[in-house]
Amino acid sequence: MVFSLKHYFAALLLTTLLWSLVSCESNFKELQKINLSEFNPTGEADSINVKYTDSGRISAILISSKMLDYSVVDFPFTEFPKGIDVTLYDAKGKQTFVRSNYAISYKSTGIIDLQGKVKITTQDGQVLETEQLYFDQKNEWFYTERRFTFTSPKGSSTGQGIDFSKDFKVINSQKISGEVEANK
């Protein structure tokens, strides 16, 4: 078999091209790493206990073992990766307790996303449990499309999809089953 000079240069060119592609891949990966911006919190706090006031009275107390603040990103938020315990107070001092394993609060929308064993308990014995629940801070309104269990002194029910006011005075549910004592 006779190799011509033309075949030799073609093989050399192909080898060189393949070699440069392999070496460029390594450099390309390094370039990608350089262009990635780090997504780090601008603030971090451990063991927080924050009291929110409105017109001189406490409206809420937030307790969490870890808080991460991402206030300088395009869509600012605060994350609570180890969960929260919140006590909400109405104008008469009635308390509502909120607990979840994880929470994230979006500053621009005022929505708080509660996740993982979410439990809300009122002072008069009403309890709602679900895996995810949203809270609209502006309208003081809770809602979820997830399965839930609601227990009160009048009975208990389960369902999927519910929304309600912060004080449980208005409750709208979608798919519900259970036994509840009717008002007379």
Protein backbone atom coordinates (compact mmCIF):
# COMPACT_ATOMS: atom_id res chain seq x y z
CA MET A 1 0.00 0.00 0.00
CA VAL A 2 1.45 3.29 -1.06
CA PHE A 3 0.84 6.44 0.93
CA SER A 4 1.11 9.62 -0.94
CA LEU A 5 2.24 12.89 0.50
CA LYS A 6 -1.34 14.10 0.15
CA HIS A 7 -2.64 11.27 2.41
CA TYR A 8 0.14 11.93 4.91
CA PHE A 9 -0.80 15.63 5.22
CA ALA A 10 -4.50 14.76 5.45
CA ALA A 11 -3.80 12.32 8.29
CA LEU A 12 -1.58 14.87 10.03
CA LEU A 13 -4.25 17.57 9.64
CA LEU A 14 -6.95 15.25 11.00
CA THR A 15 -4.78 14.28 13.98
CA THR A 16 -3.99 17.93 14.72
CA LEU A 17 -7.66 18.89 14.47
CA LEU A 18 -8.73 16.09 16.82
CA TRP A 19 -5.98 16.97 19.27
CA SER A 20 -7.02 20.62 19.35
CA LEU A 21 -10.67 19.71 19.86
CA VAL A 22 -9.78 17.54 22.84
CA SER A 23 -7.56 20.22 24.36
CA CYS A 24 -10.16 22.94 23.68
CA GLU A 25 -12.80 20.97 25.55
CA SER A 26 -10.68 21.16 28.68
CA ASN A 27 -10.18 24.91 28.22
CA PHE A 28 -13.87 25.36 27.42
CA LYS A 29 -14.84 23.75 30.72
CA GLU A 30 -12.48 26.10 32.53
CA LEU A 31 -14.01 29.08 30.71
CA GLN A 32 -17.49 27.96 31.75
CA LYS A 33 -16.37 27.84 35.38
CA ILE A 34 -14.97 31.37 35.13
CA ASN A 35 -18.23 32.74 33.69
CA LEU A 36 -20.42 31.15 36.39
CA SER A 37 -21.25 33.59 39.13
CA GLU A 38 -21.36 32.30 42.65
CA PHE A 39 -24.86 32.23 44.16
CA ASN A 40 -24.10 33.14 47.75
CA PRO A 41 -26.30 34.84 50.33
CA THR A 42 -25.55 38.46 51.15
CA GLY A 43 -26.44 37.79 54.76
CA GLU A 44 -26.55 34.76 57.01
CA ALA A 45 -27.86 34.42 60.56
CA ASP A 46 -28.06 31.61 63.10
CA SER A 47 -30.62 31.32 65.90
CA ILE A 48 -32.83 34.27 65.02
CA ASN A 49 -35.75 35.59 67.05
CA VAL A 50 -37.45 38.50 65.23
CA LYS A 51 -40.43 40.44 66.56
CA TYR A 52 -42.59 42.31 64.03
CA THR A 53 -44.59 45.24 65.34
CA ASP A 54 -47.50 47.22 63.96
CA SER A 55 -48.55 50.48 65.66
CA GLY A 56 -46.64 49.59 68.82
CA ARG A 57 -48.01 46.06 69.28
CA ILE A 58 -46.36 42.78 68.35
CA SER A 59 -47.98 41.30 65.22
CA ALA A 60 -45.65 38.29 64.76
CA ILE A 61 -42.64 36.53 66.24
CA LEU A 62 -40.36 34.55 63.92
CA ILE A 63 -37.91 31.99 65.31
CA SER A 64 -35.48 30.03 63.13
CA SER A 65 -32.14 28.34 63.61
CA LYS A 66 -30.85 29.46 60.17
CA MET A 67 -31.65 32.36 57.82
CA LEU A 68 -30.04 33.12 54.46
CA ASP A 69 -30.65 36.52 52.83
CA TYR A 70 -30.49 36.85 49.04
CA SER A 71 -31.56 40.50 48.81
CA VAL A 72 -29.27 41.58 45.94
CA VAL A 73 -30.34 39.01 43.33
CA ASP A 74 -32.80 39.87 40.54
CA PHE A 75 -35.71 38.24 42.42
CA PRO A 76 -34.79 38.83 46.12
CA PHE A 77 -35.74 36.29 48.76
CA THR A 78 -34.97 35.09 52.27
CA GLU A 79 -34.51 31.38 52.88
CA PHE A 80 -34.98 29.41 56.10
CA PRO A 81 -33.38 26.03 55.27
CA LYS A 82 -33.88 24.60 58.78
CA GLY A 83 -37.50 25.69 59.12
CA ILE A 84 -39.45 28.29 61.05
CA ASP A 85 -41.69 28.72 64.07
CA VAL A 86 -43.95 31.74 63.78
CA THR A 87 -46.51 33.13 66.22
CA LEU A 88 -49.05 35.47 64.59
CA TYR A 89 -51.14 37.85 66.71
CA ASP A 90 -54.43 39.41 65.67
CA ALA A 91 -55.69 42.81 66.91
CA LYS A 92 -57.20 41.17 70.02
CA GLY A 93 -54.02 39.27 70.88
CA LYS A 94 -55.31 35.89 69.68
CA GLN A 95 -52.41 33.68 68.61
CA THR A 96 -51.90 31.44 65.59
CA PHE A 97 -48.83 29.20 65.50
CA VAL A 98 -47.14 28.24 62.21
CA ARG A 99 -44.38 25.64 61.91
CA SER A 100 -42.58 24.19 58.86
CA ASN A 101 -39.34 22.35 58.10
CA TYR A 102 -38.37 24.83 55.35
CA ALA A 103 -39.53 28.29 54.29
CA ILE A 104 -38.70 30.86 51.65
CA SER A 105 -40.02 34.42 51.59
CA TYR A 106 -40.10 36.35 48.31
CA LYS A 107 -39.69 40.07 48.96
CA SER A 108 -41.17 41.44 45.72
CA THR A 109 -44.40 39.38 45.86
CA GLY A 110 -44.85 39.11 49.62
CA ILE A 111 -45.43 35.35 49.27
CA ILE A 112 -44.01 32.89 51.79
CA ASP A 113 -43.62 29.27 50.69
CA LEU A 114 -43.78 26.85 53.64
CA GLN A 115 -42.66 23.27 53.01
CA GLY A 116 -42.24 20.01 54.91
CA LYS A 117 -44.62 19.05 57.71
CA VAL A 118 -46.40 22.41 57.74
CA LYS A 119 -48.61 22.75 60.80
CA ILE A 120 -50.83 25.67 61.76
CA THR A 121 -52.48 25.69 65.17
CA THR A 122 -54.89 28.32 66.49
CA GLN A 123 -55.38 29.23 70.12
CA ASP A 124 -58.90 27.75 70.06
CA GLY A 125 -57.78 24.27 68.90
CA GLN A 126 -57.98 24.33 65.10
CA VAL A 127 -55.11 22.52 63.37
CA LEU A 128 -54.22 22.34 59.68
CA GLU A 129 -51.45 20.03 58.45
CA THR A 130 -50.04 19.72 54.93
CA GLU A 131 -46.72 19.31 53.10
CA GLN A 132 -46.72 22.73 51.40
CA LEU A 133 -48.58 25.93 52.10
CA TYR A 134 -48.30 29.46 50.76
CA PHE A 135 -48.96 32.63 52.75
CA ASP A 136 -49.83 35.91 51.03
CA GLN A 137 -48.60 38.52 53.52
CA LYS A 138 -50.42 41.44 51.94
CA ASN A 139 -53.85 39.77 52.08
CA GLU A 140 -53.05 37.64 55.17
CA TRP A 141 -54.26 34.56 53.28
CA PHE A 142 -53.05 30.93 53.28
CA TYR A 143 -53.52 28.54 50.34
CA THR A 144 -52.39 25.20 48.93
CA GLU A 145 -53.30 22.71 46.22
CA ARG A 146 -51.76 19.86 48.25
CA ARG A 147 -53.47 17.28 50.44
CA PHE A 148 -54.33 18.54 53.92
CA THR A 149 -55.84 17.47 57.23
CA PHE A 150 -57.97 19.95 59.18
CA THR A 151 -58.97 19.27 62.79
CA SER A 152 -61.15 21.42 65.00
CA PRO A 153 -63.21 20.89 68.15
CA LYS A 154 -66.19 20.27 65.79
CA GLY A 155 -64.52 17.39 63.89
CA SER A 156 -61.88 16.64 61.32
CA SER A 157 -61.62 16.47 57.56
CA THR A 158 -59.10 15.73 54.86
CA GLY A 159 -58.93 17.01 51.34
CA GLN A 160 -56.90 18.46 48.55
CA GLY A 161 -56.77 22.21 47.95
CA ILE A 162 -57.73 24.77 50.57
CA ASP A 163 -57.42 28.49 51.16
CA PHE A 164 -58.26 30.42 54.33
CA SER A 165 -57.79 33.64 56.24
CA LYS A 166 -55.03 33.99 58.82
CA ASP A 167 -57.55 33.62 61.66
CA PHE A 168 -59.45 30.67 60.07
CA LYS A 169 -62.69 32.71 60.00
CA VAL A 170 -63.04 32.16 56.23
CA ILE A 171 -62.19 28.71 54.84
CA ASN A 172 -62.64 27.57 51.23
CA SER A 173 -61.86 23.97 50.38
CA GLN A 174 -61.94 22.10 47.10
CA LYS A 175 -62.01 18.32 47.53
CA ILE A 176 -62.91 17.48 51.13
CA SER A 177 -64.15 14.52 53.13
CA GLY A 178 -64.72 13.98 56.82
CA GLU A 179 -67.18 14.65 59.61
CA VAL A 180 -67.76 18.13 60.94
CA GLU A 181 -70.48 19.25 63.36
CA ALA A 182 -72.86 21.67 61.64
CA ASN A 183 -73.71 25.06 63.19
CA LYS A 184 -77.21 25.13 64.65
